[in-house]
Amino acid sequence: MPKTLAIKLSDELHAQAAAVASLEGISLTELIRTSIEGYLDTKRDSGELQERAQAVLDDIEREAQTRREAIAGLLNGSGEADKSKPASTRSRRKAE
């Protein structure tokens, strides 16, 4: 679903963009959209962002693993993700 984005431009930048859009026979919105697409393509093609993006993905995976372990600890009742531990370490009292 398309998103609407409001941006602020200086009067000069707006006038230049509107003039270019008019000369190209496109709307100002189309000029902005294609400019952003071109910028993103350039960044993607240069590989400049690949290393940073991989670092972010690695961080996300570490965070997800930590959360998985915390939830597993809650489910097995020990506070630890190790499923080899008994679910409860409390001793039961003999019925009196």
N, C-alpha and C. Protein backbone atom coordinates (compact mmCIF):
# COMPACT_ATOMS: atom_id res chain seq x y z
N MET A 1 0.84 -1.18 0.00
CA MET A 1 0.00 0.00 0.00
C MET A 1 0.89 1.24 0.00
N PRO A 2 0.63 2.16 -0.88
CA PRO A 2 1.43 3.38 -0.95
C PRO A 2 1.31 4.19 0.34
N LYS A 3 2.41 4.84 0.68
CA LYS A 3 2.46 5.72 1.86
C LYS A 3 2.58 7.16 1.39
N THR A 4 2.00 8.05 2.15
CA THR A 4 2.10 9.48 1.88
C THR A 4 3.21 10.04 2.74
N LEU A 5 4.05 10.87 2.14
CA LEU A 5 5.18 11.46 2.83
C LEU A 5 5.13 12.97 2.64
N ALA A 6 5.19 13.69 3.73
CA ALA A 6 5.24 15.16 3.65
C ALA A 6 6.69 15.58 3.89
N ILE A 7 7.21 16.42 3.01
CA ILE A 7 8.58 16.91 3.16
C ILE A 7 8.57 18.43 3.07
N LYS A 8 9.55 19.02 3.72
CA LYS A 8 9.72 20.47 3.62
C LYS A 8 10.90 20.76 2.71
N LEU A 9 10.69 21.63 1.75
CA LEU A 9 11.75 22.06 0.84
C LEU A 9 11.90 23.57 0.95
N SER A 10 13.11 24.03 0.76
CA SER A 10 13.30 25.48 0.70
C SER A 10 12.56 25.99 -0.54
N ASP A 11 12.25 27.26 -0.54
CA ASP A 11 11.57 27.84 -1.70
C ASP A 11 12.38 27.62 -2.97
N GLU A 12 13.71 27.79 -2.87
CA GLU A 12 14.57 27.65 -4.04
C GLU A 12 14.56 26.21 -4.56
N LEU A 13 14.71 25.25 -3.65
CA LEU A 13 14.72 23.85 -4.07
C LEU A 13 13.38 23.45 -4.67
N HIS A 14 12.31 23.90 -4.07
CA HIS A 14 10.98 23.60 -4.60
C HIS A 14 10.82 24.17 -6.00
N ALA A 15 11.24 25.42 -6.19
CA ALA A 15 11.11 26.06 -7.50
C ALA A 15 11.92 25.32 -8.55
N GLN A 16 13.14 24.91 -8.20
CA GLN A 16 13.98 24.17 -9.15
C GLN A 16 13.37 22.81 -9.48
N ALA A 17 12.89 22.11 -8.46
CA ALA A 17 12.29 20.79 -8.69
C ALA A 17 11.03 20.93 -9.54
N ALA A 18 10.22 21.92 -9.25
CA ALA A 18 9.00 22.13 -10.03
C ALA A 18 9.34 22.48 -11.48
N ALA A 19 10.38 23.26 -11.68
CA ALA A 19 10.79 23.62 -13.04
C ALA A 19 11.27 22.38 -13.80
N VAL A 20 12.09 21.55 -13.16
CA VAL A 20 12.58 20.33 -13.81
C VAL A 20 11.41 19.40 -14.13
N ALA A 21 10.50 19.23 -13.17
CA ALA A 21 9.34 18.37 -13.41
C ALA A 21 8.53 18.88 -14.61
N SER A 22 8.34 20.17 -14.67
CA SER A 22 7.59 20.76 -15.78
C SER A 22 8.30 20.53 -17.11
N LEU A 23 9.61 20.75 -17.13
CA LEU A 23 10.37 20.54 -18.36
C LEU A 23 10.36 19.07 -18.79
N GLU A 24 10.32 18.17 -17.82
CA GLU A 24 10.29 16.73 -18.11
C GLU A 24 8.87 16.23 -18.41
N GLY A 25 7.88 17.06 -18.15
CA GLY A 25 6.49 16.67 -18.41
C GLY A 25 5.97 15.67 -17.38
N ILE A 26 6.49 15.75 -16.16
CA ILE A 26 6.03 14.86 -15.08
C ILE A 26 5.61 15.70 -13.88
N SER A 27 4.92 15.06 -12.97
CA SER A 27 4.51 15.78 -11.77
C SER A 27 5.68 15.91 -10.81
N LEU A 28 5.56 16.85 -9.89
CA LEU A 28 6.58 17.03 -8.86
C LEU A 28 6.68 15.76 -8.01
N THR A 29 5.54 15.15 -7.74
CA THR A 29 5.53 13.89 -6.99
C THR A 29 6.34 12.82 -7.71
N GLU A 30 6.15 12.70 -9.02
CA GLU A 30 6.89 11.70 -9.80
C GLU A 30 8.38 12.01 -9.81
N LEU A 31 8.74 13.29 -9.90
CA LEU A 31 10.15 13.68 -9.85
C LEU A 31 10.77 13.26 -8.52
N ILE A 32 10.07 13.52 -7.43
CA ILE A 32 10.58 13.16 -6.10
C ILE A 32 10.69 11.65 -5.97
N ARG A 33 9.65 10.92 -6.40
CA ARG A 33 9.66 9.46 -6.30
C ARG A 33 10.81 8.85 -7.10
N THR A 34 10.99 9.29 -8.33
CA THR A 34 12.06 8.72 -9.15
C THR A 34 13.44 9.13 -8.63
N SER A 35 13.53 10.31 -8.04
CA SER A 35 14.79 10.74 -7.44
C SER A 35 15.16 9.86 -6.26
N ILE A 36 14.20 9.56 -5.42
CA ILE A 36 14.46 8.67 -4.26
C ILE A 36 14.82 7.27 -4.75
N GLU A 37 14.07 6.76 -5.73
CA GLU A 37 14.39 5.44 -6.28
C GLU A 37 15.81 5.40 -6.84
N GLY A 38 16.19 6.44 -7.56
CA GLY A 38 17.54 6.51 -8.13
C GLY A 38 18.60 6.54 -7.04
N TYR A 39 18.35 7.30 -5.99
CA TYR A 39 19.30 7.39 -4.87
C TYR A 39 19.46 6.01 -4.22
N LEU A 40 18.33 5.34 -3.97
CA LEU A 40 18.39 4.01 -3.35
C LEU A 40 19.09 2.99 -4.24
N ASP A 41 18.83 3.05 -5.53
CA ASP A 41 19.51 2.15 -6.48
C ASP A 41 21.02 2.38 -6.45
N THR A 42 21.42 3.64 -6.42
CA THR A 42 22.85 3.97 -6.37
C THR A 42 23.49 3.41 -5.10
N LYS A 43 22.84 3.59 -3.98
CA LYS A 43 23.36 3.08 -2.71
C LYS A 43 23.45 1.55 -2.72
N ARG A 44 22.40 0.92 -3.23
CA ARG A 44 22.35 -0.54 -3.28
C ARG A 44 23.44 -1.09 -4.21
N ASP A 45 23.60 -0.47 -5.36
CA ASP A 45 24.57 -0.94 -6.34
C ASP A 45 26.01 -0.71 -5.91
N SER A 46 26.24 0.30 -5.10
CA SER A 46 27.61 0.61 -4.69
C SER A 46 28.12 -0.36 -3.63
N GLY A 47 27.22 -1.08 -2.97
CA GLY A 47 27.62 -2.00 -1.92
C GLY A 47 27.97 -1.27 -0.63
N GLU A 48 27.84 0.03 -0.64
CA GLU A 48 28.19 0.86 0.51
C GLU A 48 27.42 0.48 1.77
N LEU A 49 26.18 0.09 1.58
CA LEU A 49 25.34 -0.20 2.74
C LEU A 49 25.33 -1.68 3.13
N GLN A 50 25.91 -2.55 2.30
CA GLN A 50 25.84 -3.98 2.56
C GLN A 50 26.41 -4.36 3.92
N GLU A 51 27.59 -3.86 4.24
CA GLU A 51 28.23 -4.23 5.50
C GLU A 51 27.40 -3.75 6.69
N ARG A 52 26.92 -2.52 6.62
CA ARG A 52 26.10 -2.01 7.72
C ARG A 52 24.78 -2.76 7.83
N ALA A 53 24.18 -3.09 6.69
CA ALA A 53 22.93 -3.84 6.71
C ALA A 53 23.15 -5.23 7.30
N GLN A 54 24.26 -5.88 6.97
CA GLN A 54 24.55 -7.20 7.52
C GLN A 54 24.75 -7.12 9.03
N ALA A 55 25.40 -6.07 9.50
CA ALA A 55 25.60 -5.88 10.94
C ALA A 55 24.26 -5.73 11.66
N VAL A 56 23.34 -4.99 11.04
CA VAL A 56 22.01 -4.83 11.62
C VAL A 56 21.28 -6.17 11.65
N LEU A 57 21.36 -6.93 10.56
CA LEU A 57 20.73 -8.26 10.54
C LEU A 57 21.32 -9.17 11.61
N ASP A 58 22.63 -9.11 11.80
CA ASP A 58 23.28 -9.92 12.84
C ASP A 58 22.78 -9.52 14.23
N ASP A 59 22.65 -8.21 14.46
CA ASP A 59 22.12 -7.73 15.74
C ASP A 59 20.70 -8.23 15.98
N ILE A 60 19.89 -8.18 14.93
CA ILE A 60 18.50 -8.64 15.03
C ILE A 60 18.48 -10.12 15.39
N GLU A 61 19.35 -10.91 14.76
CA GLU A 61 19.39 -12.35 15.03
C GLU A 61 19.84 -12.62 16.46
N ARG A 62 20.85 -11.88 16.95
CA ARG A 62 21.29 -12.06 18.34
C ARG A 62 20.17 -11.72 19.32
N GLU A 63 19.48 -10.63 19.05
CA GLU A 63 18.35 -10.23 19.91
C GLU A 63 17.26 -11.28 19.89
N ALA A 64 16.95 -11.81 18.70
CA ALA A 64 15.92 -12.84 18.59
C ALA A 64 16.33 -14.09 19.35
N GLN A 65 17.59 -14.47 19.28
CA GLN A 65 18.07 -15.65 20.00
C GLN A 65 17.95 -15.44 21.50
N THR A 66 18.30 -14.25 21.98
CA THR A 66 18.18 -13.94 23.40
C THR A 66 16.73 -14.05 23.84
N ARG A 67 15.83 -13.53 23.05
CA ARG A 67 14.39 -13.61 23.37
C ARG A 67 13.90 -15.05 23.35
N ARG A 68 14.34 -15.83 22.34
CA ARG A 68 13.94 -17.25 22.28
C ARG A 68 14.38 -17.98 23.55
N GLU A 69 15.61 -17.72 23.97
CA GLU A 69 16.14 -18.38 25.17
C GLU A 69 15.37 -17.94 26.41
N ALA A 70 15.02 -16.67 26.50
CA ALA A 70 14.26 -16.18 27.66
C ALA A 70 12.89 -16.83 27.71
N ILE A 71 12.23 -16.92 26.56
CA ILE A 71 10.91 -17.54 26.52
C ILE A 71 11.00 -19.02 26.83
N ALA A 72 12.02 -19.69 26.30
CA ALA A 72 12.20 -21.12 26.60
C ALA A 72 12.40 -21.30 28.10
N GLY A 73 13.16 -20.39 28.73
CA GLY A 73 13.36 -20.46 30.17
C GLY A 73 12.06 -20.31 30.92
N LEU A 74 11.19 -19.44 30.45
CA LEU A 74 9.89 -19.28 31.09
C LEU A 74 9.04 -20.53 30.93
N LEU A 75 9.09 -21.13 29.77
CA LEU A 75 8.27 -22.31 29.51
C LEU A 75 8.72 -23.52 30.30
N ASN A 76 10.05 -23.67 30.51
CA ASN A 76 10.49 -24.84 31.25
C ASN A 76 10.58 -24.57 32.74
N GLY A 77 10.24 -23.32 33.13
CA GLY A 77 10.10 -23.00 34.54
C GLY A 77 11.40 -22.80 35.29
N SER A 78 12.53 -22.87 34.65
CA SER A 78 13.78 -22.78 35.37
C SER A 78 14.44 -21.42 35.26
N GLY A 79 13.95 -20.58 34.37
CA GLY A 79 14.60 -19.31 34.13
C GLY A 79 15.80 -19.46 33.21
N GLU A 80 16.13 -20.66 32.83
CA GLU A 80 17.23 -20.96 31.92
C GLU A 80 16.65 -21.61 30.68
N ALA A 81 17.33 -21.47 29.56
CA ALA A 81 16.86 -22.07 28.32
C ALA A 81 17.22 -23.55 28.23
N ASP A 82 18.07 -24.04 29.15
CA ASP A 82 18.52 -25.42 29.11
C ASP A 82 17.37 -26.35 29.46
N LYS A 83 16.91 -27.14 28.49
CA LYS A 83 15.77 -28.01 28.70
C LYS A 83 16.13 -29.29 29.44
N SER A 84 17.44 -29.51 29.67
CA SER A 84 17.83 -30.71 30.38
C SER A 84 17.60 -30.59 31.88
N LYS A 85 17.37 -29.37 32.37
CA LYS A 85 17.12 -29.16 33.78
C LYS A 85 15.66 -29.49 34.08
N PRO A 86 15.38 -29.94 35.28
CA PRO A 86 13.99 -30.22 35.64
C PRO A 86 13.17 -28.94 35.63
N ALA A 87 11.87 -29.08 35.40
CA ALA A 87 11.00 -27.92 35.33
C ALA A 87 10.91 -27.22 36.67
N SER A 88 11.07 -27.95 37.76
CA SER A 88 10.98 -27.34 39.08
C SER A 88 12.06 -27.93 39.96
N THR A 89 12.72 -27.09 40.77
CA THR A 89 13.75 -27.58 41.67
C THR A 89 13.26 -27.60 43.11
N ARG A 90 11.99 -27.23 43.31
CA ARG A 90 11.45 -27.25 44.67
C ARG A 90 11.14 -28.67 45.09
N SER A 91 11.44 -28.99 46.34
CA SER A 91 11.08 -30.31 46.85
C SER A 91 9.65 -30.28 47.35
N ARG A 92 9.00 -31.38 47.22
CA ARG A 92 7.61 -31.48 47.68
C ARG A 92 7.57 -31.96 49.12
N ARG A 93 6.69 -31.40 49.88
CA ARG A 93 6.51 -31.85 51.26
C ARG A 93 5.68 -33.12 51.26
N LYS A 94 6.05 -34.01 52.14
CA LYS A 94 5.26 -35.23 52.27
C LYS A 94 3.91 -34.88 52.91
N ALA A 95 2.90 -35.54 52.46
CA ALA A 95 1.56 -35.30 53.03
C ALA A 95 1.60 -35.70 54.48
N GLU A 96 1.07 -34.85 55.38
CA GLU A 96 1.05 -35.14 56.82
C GLU A 96 -0.21 -35.78 57.23
